[in-house]
Amino acid sequence: MRWLAFARRNAREILRDPLTLAFGVGFPVVLILLLTLIQRNIPVSLFELDQLTPGVVVFGYSFLALFAALLISKDRSTSFLLRLFSTPMTAADFILGYLLPMVPMAAAQCLFTYLVAAILGLPLTVHALAAGALSLLTAVMFISLGLLLGTVLNDKQVGGVCGALLTNLSAWLSGTWFSLALVGGWFEKIAFVLPFANGVELGRAALAGQYGSLTPYLWWCLGYAVVLTVAAVLVFHSRMRVK
């Protein structure tokens, strides 16, 4: 259970930065409030809550990648990880120790987003619970991607890649703000090869109770989560050997 002790240390590091916690949990809430207000003042259905909420949840998870990448890259820039490399901890122990404390943060972010959506008029049913639970697969994918990038990049590079590039990719290729079918063609095809749109559609299908249509989106999200987590472990292991 070496990774569990390491996970507790990382949880304390996360809790020592309340501003990051508040931003991670609060930013999706602000988005959903703002876009719902816009919807009430326009004559067309653009930001309906049943379509918007799963998308905002997935977009909010993109910031978890930044937080995870910053956490691991900052540890790499100090002698902290070098000292831990002399312990019996494996690369999987390290990655699990970084990943697991981020999952409750993702759950809290999802919970607050759905609660605010419910206050604004979204019916809270068992389908909303299923949508929130399934969205955690997307959260794991984002966190593992952040850990992978944080393993190979320094904290300044992480800010550009995860803070700017990844959030923009998530915004434009997820279908959160507009239907990807409106663009169609190669743009839509590329979007559904990447995990962002699949994560959004997985949440929308679950929220609508359309469990028969979950399968393709579920496999994409699960596949990305597994592949990126394994990749983070392997790359971290190679860095341990170099050190």
C-alpha atoms as a PDB file:
ATOM      1  CA  MET A   1       0.000   0.000   0.000  1.00  0.00           C
ATOM      2  CA  ARG A   2       2.940   2.337  -0.653  1.00  0.00           C
ATOM      3  CA  TRP A   3       0.897   4.280  -3.182  1.00  0.00           C
ATOM      4  CA  LEU A   4      -1.775   4.969  -0.549  1.00  0.00           C
ATOM      5  CA  ALA A   5       0.660   6.833   1.714  1.00  0.00           C
ATOM      6  CA  PHE A   6       1.900   8.771  -1.295  1.00  0.00           C
ATOM      7  CA  ALA A   7      -1.705   9.550  -2.305  1.00  0.00           C
ATOM      8  CA  ARG A   8      -2.365  11.004   1.156  1.00  0.00           C
ATOM      9  CA  ARG A   9       0.640  13.285   0.761  1.00  0.00           C
ATOM     10  CA  ASN A  10      -0.625  14.488  -2.622  1.00  0.00           C
ATOM     11  CA  ALA A  11      -4.113  15.035  -1.225  1.00  0.00           C
ATOM     12  CA  ARG A  12      -2.595  17.327   1.396  1.00  0.00           C
ATOM     13  CA  GLU A  13      -0.723  19.199  -1.333  1.00  0.00           C
ATOM     14  CA  ILE A  14      -3.976  19.741  -3.219  1.00  0.00           C
ATOM     15  CA  LEU A  15      -5.782  20.917  -0.089  1.00  0.00           C
ATOM     16  CA  ARG A  16      -2.990  23.410   0.626  1.00  0.00           C
ATOM     17  CA  ASP A  17      -4.014  25.275  -2.531  1.00  0.00           C
ATOM     18  CA  PRO A  18      -7.638  26.313  -1.895  1.00  0.00           C
ATOM     19  CA  LEU A  19      -7.599  28.734  -4.838  1.00  0.00           C
ATOM     20  CA  THR A  20      -6.979  25.866  -7.252  1.00  0.00           C
ATOM     21  CA  LEU A  21      -9.741  23.843  -5.611  1.00  0.00           C
ATOM     22  CA  ALA A  22     -12.174  26.754  -5.775  1.00  0.00           C
ATOM     23  CA  PHE A  23     -11.348  27.389  -9.428  1.00  0.00           C
ATOM     24  CA  GLY A  24     -11.644  23.730 -10.386  1.00  0.00           C
ATOM     25  CA  VAL A  25     -15.034  23.336  -8.725  1.00  0.00           C
ATOM     26  CA  GLY A  26     -16.361  26.835  -9.349  1.00  0.00           C
ATOM     27  CA  PHE A  27     -15.458  27.502 -12.970  1.00  0.00           C
ATOM     28  CA  PRO A  28     -17.941  24.986 -14.479  1.00  0.00           C
ATOM     29  CA  VAL A  29     -20.628  26.393 -12.184  1.00  0.00           C
ATOM     30  CA  VAL A  30     -19.967  29.917 -13.438  1.00  0.00           C
ATOM     31  CA  LEU A  31     -20.104  28.676 -17.031  1.00  0.00           C
ATOM     32  CA  ILE A  32     -23.429  26.936 -16.622  1.00  0.00           C
ATOM     33  CA  LEU A  33     -24.957  29.959 -14.865  1.00  0.00           C
ATOM     34  CA  LEU A  34     -23.767  32.324 -17.585  1.00  0.00           C
ATOM     35  CA  LEU A  35     -24.850  30.156 -20.516  1.00  0.00           C
ATOM     36  CA  THR A  36     -28.243  29.447 -18.967  1.00  0.00           C
ATOM     37  CA  LEU A  37     -28.780  33.194 -18.596  1.00  0.00           C
ATOM     38  CA  ILE A  38     -27.859  33.643 -22.263  1.00  0.00           C
ATOM     39  CA  GLN A  39     -30.306  30.882 -23.250  1.00  0.00           C
ATOM     40  CA  ARG A  40     -33.158  32.655 -21.471  1.00  0.00           C
ATOM     41  CA  ASN A  41     -32.539  35.767 -23.520  1.00  0.00           C
ATOM     42  CA  ILE A  42     -32.282  34.288 -27.006  1.00  0.00           C
ATOM     43  CA  PRO A  43     -35.137  32.907 -29.148  1.00  0.00           C
ATOM     44  CA  VAL A  44     -33.427  29.645 -30.224  1.00  0.00           C
ATOM     45  CA  SER A  45     -32.496  26.523 -28.242  1.00  0.00           C
ATOM     46  CA  LEU A  46     -28.724  26.758 -28.018  1.00  0.00           C
ATOM     47  CA  PHE A  47     -27.797  25.979 -24.406  1.00  0.00           C
ATOM     48  CA  GLU A  48     -30.500  23.656 -23.093  1.00  0.00           C
ATOM     49  CA  LEU A  49     -29.564  22.205 -19.707  1.00  0.00           C
ATOM     50  CA  ASP A  50     -29.888  18.535 -20.694  1.00  0.00           C
ATOM     51  CA  GLN A  51     -27.352  19.097 -23.493  1.00  0.00           C
ATOM     52  CA  LEU A  52     -25.208  21.719 -21.809  1.00  0.00           C
ATOM     53  CA  THR A  53     -24.593  20.131 -18.396  1.00  0.00           C
ATOM     54  CA  PRO A  54     -22.706  16.976 -19.517  1.00  0.00           C
ATOM     55  CA  GLY A  55     -20.617  19.142 -21.837  1.00  0.00           C
ATOM     56  CA  VAL A  56     -19.684  21.639 -19.128  1.00  0.00           C
ATOM     57  CA  VAL A  57     -18.703  18.752 -16.836  1.00  0.00           C
ATOM     58  CA  VAL A  58     -16.312  17.340 -19.457  1.00  0.00           C
ATOM     59  CA  PHE A  59     -14.899  20.765 -20.291  1.00  0.00           C
ATOM     60  CA  GLY A  60     -14.302  21.386 -16.597  1.00  0.00           C
ATOM     61  CA  TYR A  61     -12.309  18.165 -16.396  1.00  0.00           C
ATOM     62  CA  SER A  62      -9.747  19.627 -18.812  1.00  0.00           C
ATOM     63  CA  PHE A  63      -8.506  21.816 -15.955  1.00  0.00           C
ATOM     64  CA  LEU A  64      -7.800  18.679 -13.911  1.00  0.00           C
ATOM     65  CA  ALA A  65      -5.181  17.772 -16.506  1.00  0.00           C
ATOM     66  CA  LEU A  66      -3.470  21.093 -15.838  1.00  0.00           C
ATOM     67  CA  PHE A  67      -3.586  20.649 -12.055  1.00  0.00           C
ATOM     68  CA  ALA A  68      -2.247  17.075 -12.273  1.00  0.00           C
ATOM     69  CA  ALA A  69       0.524  18.091 -14.677  1.00  0.00           C
ATOM     70  CA  LEU A  70       1.590  20.990 -12.467  1.00  0.00           C
ATOM     71  CA  LEU A  71       1.643  18.782  -9.372  1.00  0.00           C
ATOM     72  CA  ILE A  72       3.937  16.161 -10.869  1.00  0.00           C
ATOM     73  CA  SER A  73       6.139  18.609 -12.796  1.00  0.00           C
ATOM     74  CA  LYS A  74       6.760  20.691  -9.673  1.00  0.00           C
ATOM     75  CA  ASP A  75       7.760  17.561  -7.759  1.00  0.00           C
ATOM     76  CA  ARG A  76      10.145  16.680 -10.593  1.00  0.00           C
ATOM     77  CA  SER A  77      11.760  20.112 -10.400  1.00  0.00           C
ATOM     78  CA  THR A  78      12.736  19.554  -6.753  1.00  0.00           C
ATOM     79  CA  SER A  79      14.698  16.800  -5.049  1.00  0.00           C
ATOM     80  CA  PHE A  80      11.493  15.335  -3.610  1.00  0.00           C
ATOM     81  CA  LEU A  81      11.004  12.696  -6.302  1.00  0.00           C
ATOM     82  CA  LEU A  82      14.714  11.933  -6.443  1.00  0.00           C
ATOM     83  CA  ARG A  83      14.615  10.963  -2.793  1.00  0.00           C
ATOM     84  CA  LEU A  84      11.536   8.806  -3.342  1.00  0.00           C
ATOM     85  CA  PHE A  85      13.232   6.978  -6.221  1.00  0.00           C
ATOM     86  CA  SER A  86      15.456   5.329  -3.610  1.00  0.00           C
ATOM     87  CA  THR A  87      12.367   3.703  -2.023  1.00  0.00           C
ATOM     88  CA  PRO A  88      10.721   0.455  -3.214  1.00  0.00           C
ATOM     89  CA  MET A  89       7.916   2.435  -4.898  1.00  0.00           C
ATOM     90  CA  THR A  90       7.227   1.489  -8.501  1.00  0.00           C
ATOM     91  CA  ALA A  91       6.142   3.760 -11.344  1.00  0.00           C
ATOM     92  CA  ALA A  92       2.583   2.454 -10.936  1.00  0.00           C
ATOM     93  CA  ASP A  93       2.697   3.428  -7.244  1.00  0.00           C
ATOM     94  CA  PHE A  94       3.691   6.973  -8.177  1.00  0.00           C
ATOM     95  CA  ILE A  95       1.037   7.398 -10.876  1.00  0.00           C
ATOM     96  CA  LEU A  96      -1.714   5.935  -8.681  1.00  0.00           C
ATOM     97  CA  GLY A  97      -0.579   8.183  -5.855  1.00  0.00           C
ATOM     98  CA  TYR A  98      -0.984  11.230  -8.072  1.00  0.00           C
ATOM     99  CA  LEU A  99      -4.179  10.080  -9.806  1.00  0.00           C
ATOM    100  CA  LEU A 100      -6.381   8.952  -6.930  1.00  0.00           C
ATOM    101  CA  PRO A 101      -6.471  12.239  -4.937  1.00  0.00           C
ATOM    102  CA  MET A 102      -7.648  14.015  -8.088  1.00  0.00           C
ATOM    103  CA  VAL A 103     -10.696  11.764  -8.511  1.00  0.00           C
ATOM    104  CA  PRO A 104     -12.604  13.215  -5.496  1.00  0.00           C
ATOM    105  CA  MET A 105     -11.921  16.667  -6.907  1.00  0.00           C
ATOM    106  CA  ALA A 106     -13.457  15.548 -10.206  1.00  0.00           C
ATOM    107  CA  ALA A 107     -16.449  14.079  -8.362  1.00  0.00           C
ATOM    108  CA  ALA A 108     -16.975  17.314  -6.419  1.00  0.00           C
ATOM    109  CA  GLN A 109     -16.752  19.350  -9.610  1.00  0.00           C
ATOM    110  CA  CYS A 110     -19.331  17.099 -11.299  1.00  0.00           C
ATOM    111  CA  LEU A 111     -21.630  17.117  -8.247  1.00  0.00           C
ATOM    112  CA  PHE A 112     -21.678  20.902  -7.905  1.00  0.00           C
ATOM    113  CA  THR A 113     -22.293  21.343 -11.635  1.00  0.00           C
ATOM    114  CA  TYR A 114     -25.288  19.015 -11.603  1.00  0.00           C
ATOM    115  CA  LEU A 115     -26.657  20.560  -8.402  1.00  0.00           C
ATOM    116  CA  VAL A 116     -26.534  24.039  -9.914  1.00  0.00           C
ATOM    117  CA  ALA A 117     -28.115  22.693 -13.098  1.00  0.00           C
ATOM    118  CA  ALA A 118     -30.888  21.182 -10.958  1.00  0.00           C
ATOM    119  CA  ILE A 119     -31.495  24.552  -9.286  1.00  0.00           C
ATOM    120  CA  LEU A 120     -31.758  26.084 -12.756  1.00  0.00           C
ATOM    121  CA  GLY A 121     -34.335  23.517 -13.850  1.00  0.00           C
ATOM    122  CA  LEU A 122     -32.614  20.256 -14.806  1.00  0.00           C
ATOM    123  CA  PRO A 123     -34.594  17.287 -13.380  1.00  0.00           C
ATOM    124  CA  LEU A 124     -32.412  15.319 -10.954  1.00  0.00           C
ATOM    125  CA  THR A 125     -33.158  11.665 -11.653  1.00  0.00           C
ATOM    126  CA  VAL A 126     -31.269   8.399 -11.430  1.00  0.00           C
ATOM    127  CA  HIS A 127     -30.143   9.141 -14.983  1.00  0.00           C
ATOM    128  CA  ALA A 128     -28.252  12.216 -13.749  1.00  0.00           C
ATOM    129  CA  LEU A 129     -26.479  10.021 -11.202  1.00  0.00           C
ATOM    130  CA  ALA A 130     -25.511   7.576 -13.951  1.00  0.00           C
ATOM    131  CA  ALA A 131     -24.279  10.417 -16.176  1.00  0.00           C
ATOM    132  CA  GLY A 132     -22.136  11.802 -13.367  1.00  0.00           C
ATOM    133  CA  ALA A 133     -20.676   8.390 -12.513  1.00  0.00           C
ATOM    134  CA  LEU A 134     -19.833   7.603 -16.133  1.00  0.00           C
ATOM    135  CA  SER A 135     -18.236  11.022 -16.591  1.00  0.00           C
ATOM    136  CA  LEU A 136     -15.542  10.004 -14.102  1.00  0.00           C
ATOM    137  CA  LEU A 137     -14.067   7.840 -16.862  1.00  0.00           C
ATOM    138  CA  THR A 138     -13.431  11.041 -18.789  1.00  0.00           C
ATOM    139  CA  ALA A 139     -11.991  12.606 -15.640  1.00  0.00           C
ATOM    140  CA  VAL A 140      -9.499   9.734 -15.280  1.00  0.00           C
ATOM    141  CA  MET A 141      -8.529  10.210 -18.907  1.00  0.00           C
ATOM    142  CA  PHE A 142      -7.826  13.920 -18.395  1.00  0.00           C
ATOM    143  CA  ILE A 143      -5.908  13.323 -15.157  1.00  0.00           C
ATOM    144  CA  SER A 144      -3.765  10.582 -16.731  1.00  0.00           C
ATOM    145  CA  LEU A 145      -3.077  12.813 -19.723  1.00  0.00           C
ATOM    146  CA  GLY A 146      -1.978  15.554 -17.338  1.00  0.00           C
ATOM    147  CA  LEU A 147       0.313  13.143 -15.481  1.00  0.00           C
ATOM    148  CA  LEU A 148       1.801  11.957 -18.766  1.00  0.00           C
ATOM    149  CA  LEU A 149       2.507  15.516 -19.907  1.00  0.00           C
ATOM    150  CA  GLY A 150       3.777  16.524 -16.470  1.00  0.00           C
ATOM    151  CA  THR A 151       6.255  13.640 -16.599  1.00  0.00           C
ATOM    152  CA  VAL A 152       7.909  14.876 -19.791  1.00  0.00           C
ATOM    153  CA  LEU A 153       7.419  18.670 -19.546  1.00  0.00           C
ATOM    154  CA  ASN A 154       8.518  21.233 -16.990  1.00  0.00           C
ATOM    155  CA  ASP A 155       6.016  23.402 -15.123  1.00  0.00           C
ATOM    156  CA  LYS A 156       6.326  26.308 -17.591  1.00  0.00           C
ATOM    157  CA  GLN A 157       5.745  24.080 -20.620  1.00  0.00           C
ATOM    158  CA  VAL A 158       2.833  22.407 -18.860  1.00  0.00           C
ATOM    159  CA  GLY A 159       1.072  25.761 -18.530  1.00  0.00           C
ATOM    160  CA  GLY A 160       1.137  26.271 -22.294  1.00  0.00           C
ATOM    161  CA  VAL A 161       0.222  22.740 -23.355  1.00  0.00           C
ATOM    162  CA  CYS A 162      -2.411  21.907 -20.727  1.00  0.00           C
ATOM    163  CA  GLY A 163      -3.568  25.424 -19.919  1.00  0.00           C
ATOM    164  CA  ALA A 164      -3.988  26.708 -23.454  1.00  0.00           C
ATOM    165  CA  LEU A 165      -3.799  23.930 -26.050  1.00  0.00           C
ATOM    166  CA  LEU A 166      -5.701  21.194 -24.218  1.00  0.00           C
ATOM    167  CA  THR A 167      -8.519  23.418 -22.961  1.00  0.00           C
ATOM    168  CA  ASN A 168      -9.016  24.837 -26.460  1.00  0.00           C
ATOM    169  CA  LEU A 169      -9.054  21.367 -28.011  1.00  0.00           C
ATOM    170  CA  SER A 170     -11.581  20.280 -25.406  1.00  0.00           C
ATOM    171  CA  ALA A 171     -13.711  23.354 -26.043  1.00  0.00           C
ATOM    172  CA  TRP A 172     -13.805  23.155 -29.844  1.00  0.00           C
ATOM    173  CA  LEU A 173     -13.815  19.382 -30.369  1.00  0.00           C
ATOM    174  CA  SER A 174     -16.219  18.302 -27.627  1.00  0.00           C
ATOM    175  CA  GLY A 175     -19.478  19.577 -29.075  1.00  0.00           C
ATOM    176  CA  THR A 176     -20.271  21.354 -25.818  1.00  0.00           C
ATOM    177  CA  TRP A 177     -21.034  24.762 -27.306  1.00  0.00           C
ATOM    178  CA  PHE A 178     -22.350  23.736 -30.734  1.00  0.00           C
ATOM    179  CA  SER A 179     -23.430  20.579 -32.526  1.00  0.00           C
ATOM    180  CA  LEU A 180     -20.527  18.935 -34.335  1.00  0.00           C
ATOM    181  CA  ALA A 181     -23.004  17.878 -37.028  1.00  0.00           C
ATOM    182  CA  LEU A 182     -23.337  21.550 -38.004  1.00  0.00           C
ATOM    183  CA  VAL A 183     -19.719  21.450 -39.191  1.00  0.00           C
ATOM    184  CA  GLY A 184     -19.728  17.818 -40.292  1.00  0.00           C
ATOM    185  CA  GLY A 185     -17.128  16.325 -42.638  1.00  0.00           C
ATOM    186  CA  TRP A 186     -13.587  15.685 -41.494  1.00  0.00           C
ATOM    187  CA  PHE A 187     -14.016  17.987 -38.479  1.00  0.00           C
ATOM    188  CA  GLU A 188     -16.765  15.807 -37.002  1.00  0.00           C
ATOM    189  CA  LYS A 189     -14.865  12.607 -37.796  1.00  0.00           C
ATOM    190  CA  ILE A 190     -11.711  13.839 -36.066  1.00  0.00           C
ATOM    191  CA  ALA A 191     -13.752  15.020 -33.075  1.00  0.00           C
ATOM    192  CA  PHE A 192     -15.204  11.538 -32.536  1.00  0.00           C
ATOM    193  CA  VAL A 193     -11.791   9.878 -32.778  1.00  0.00           C
ATOM    194  CA  LEU A 194     -10.648  12.054 -29.872  1.00  0.00           C
ATOM    195  CA  PRO A 195     -12.053  11.499 -26.366  1.00  0.00           C
ATOM    196  CA  PHE A 196     -13.695  14.877 -25.747  1.00  0.00           C
ATOM    197  CA  ALA A 197     -16.832  14.493 -27.903  1.00  0.00           C
ATOM    198  CA  ASN A 198     -17.222  10.882 -26.817  1.00  0.00           C
ATOM    199  CA  GLY A 199     -17.166  11.944 -23.163  1.00  0.00           C
ATOM    200  CA  VAL A 200     -19.852  14.564 -23.774  1.00  0.00           C
ATOM    201  CA  GLU A 201     -22.085  12.213 -25.766  1.00  0.00           C
ATOM    202  CA  LEU A 202     -21.648   9.506 -23.109  1.00  0.00           C
ATOM    203  CA  GLY A 203     -23.000  11.897 -20.471  1.00  0.00           C
ATOM    204  CA  ARG A 204     -25.833  13.131 -22.683  1.00  0.00           C
ATOM    205  CA  ALA A 205     -26.977   9.602 -23.536  1.00  0.00           C
ATOM    206  CA  ALA A 206     -26.913   8.539 -19.874  1.00  0.00           C
ATOM    207  CA  LEU A 207     -28.747  11.698 -18.774  1.00  0.00           C
ATOM    208  CA  ALA A 208     -31.452  11.006 -21.345  1.00  0.00           C
ATOM    209  CA  GLY A 209     -31.754   7.398 -20.170  1.00  0.00           C
ATOM    210  CA  GLN A 210     -30.634   6.099 -23.579  1.00  0.00           C
ATOM    211  CA  TYR A 211     -28.445   3.341 -22.200  1.00  0.00           C
ATOM    212  CA  GLY A 212     -28.589   1.319 -25.399  1.00  0.00           C
ATOM    213  CA  SER A 213     -26.589   4.021 -27.206  1.00  0.00           C
ATOM    214  CA  LEU A 214     -23.829   4.272 -24.592  1.00  0.00           C
ATOM    215  CA  THR A 215     -21.597   1.531 -25.979  1.00  0.00           C
ATOM    216  CA  PRO A 216     -19.497   3.298 -28.637  1.00  0.00           C
ATOM    217  CA  TYR A 217     -18.853   6.343 -26.448  1.00  0.00           C
ATOM    218  CA  LEU A 218     -18.163   4.178 -23.401  1.00  0.00           C
ATOM    219  CA  TRP A 219     -15.530   2.108 -25.183  1.00  0.00           C
ATOM    220  CA  TRP A 220     -13.756   5.204 -26.519  1.00  0.00           C
ATOM    221  CA  CYS A 221     -13.638   6.818 -23.066  1.00  0.00           C
ATOM    222  CA  LEU A 222     -12.594   3.613 -21.319  1.00  0.00           C
ATOM    223  CA  GLY A 223      -9.949   2.924 -23.944  1.00  0.00           C
ATOM    224  CA  TYR A 224      -8.442   6.390 -23.654  1.00  0.00           C
ATOM    225  CA  ALA A 225      -8.457   6.216 -19.842  1.00  0.00           C
ATOM    226  CA  VAL A 226      -6.649   2.857 -19.810  1.00  0.00           C
ATOM    227  CA  VAL A 227      -4.156   3.695 -22.566  1.00  0.00           C
ATOM    228  CA  LEU A 228      -3.205   7.085 -21.103  1.00  0.00           C
ATOM    229  CA  THR A 229      -2.857   5.677 -17.570  1.00  0.00           C
ATOM    230  CA  VAL A 230      -0.611   2.855 -18.803  1.00  0.00           C
ATOM    231  CA  ALA A 231       1.362   5.322 -20.934  1.00  0.00           C
ATOM    232  CA  ALA A 232       1.863   7.587 -17.899  1.00  0.00           C
ATOM    233  CA  VAL A 233       3.190   4.619 -15.894  1.00  0.00           C
ATOM    234  CA  LEU A 234       5.560   3.501 -18.657  1.00  0.00           C
ATOM    235  CA  VAL A 235       6.929   6.981 -19.343  1.00  0.00           C
ATOM    236  CA  PHE A 236       7.357   7.659 -15.616  1.00  0.00           C
ATOM    237  CA  HIS A 237       9.185   4.320 -15.289  1.00  0.00           C
ATOM    238  CA  SER A 238      11.565   5.305 -18.078  1.00  0.00           C
ATOM    239  CA  ARG A 239      12.267   8.614 -16.338  1.00  0.00           C
ATOM    240  CA  MET A 240      12.976   6.779 -13.082  1.00  0.00           C
ATOM    241  CA  ARG A 241      15.587   4.640 -14.845  1.00  0.00           C
ATOM    242  CA  VAL A 242      17.238   7.715 -16.345  1.00  0.00           C
ATOM    243  CA  LYS A 243      17.455   9.341 -12.889  1.00  0.00           C
END
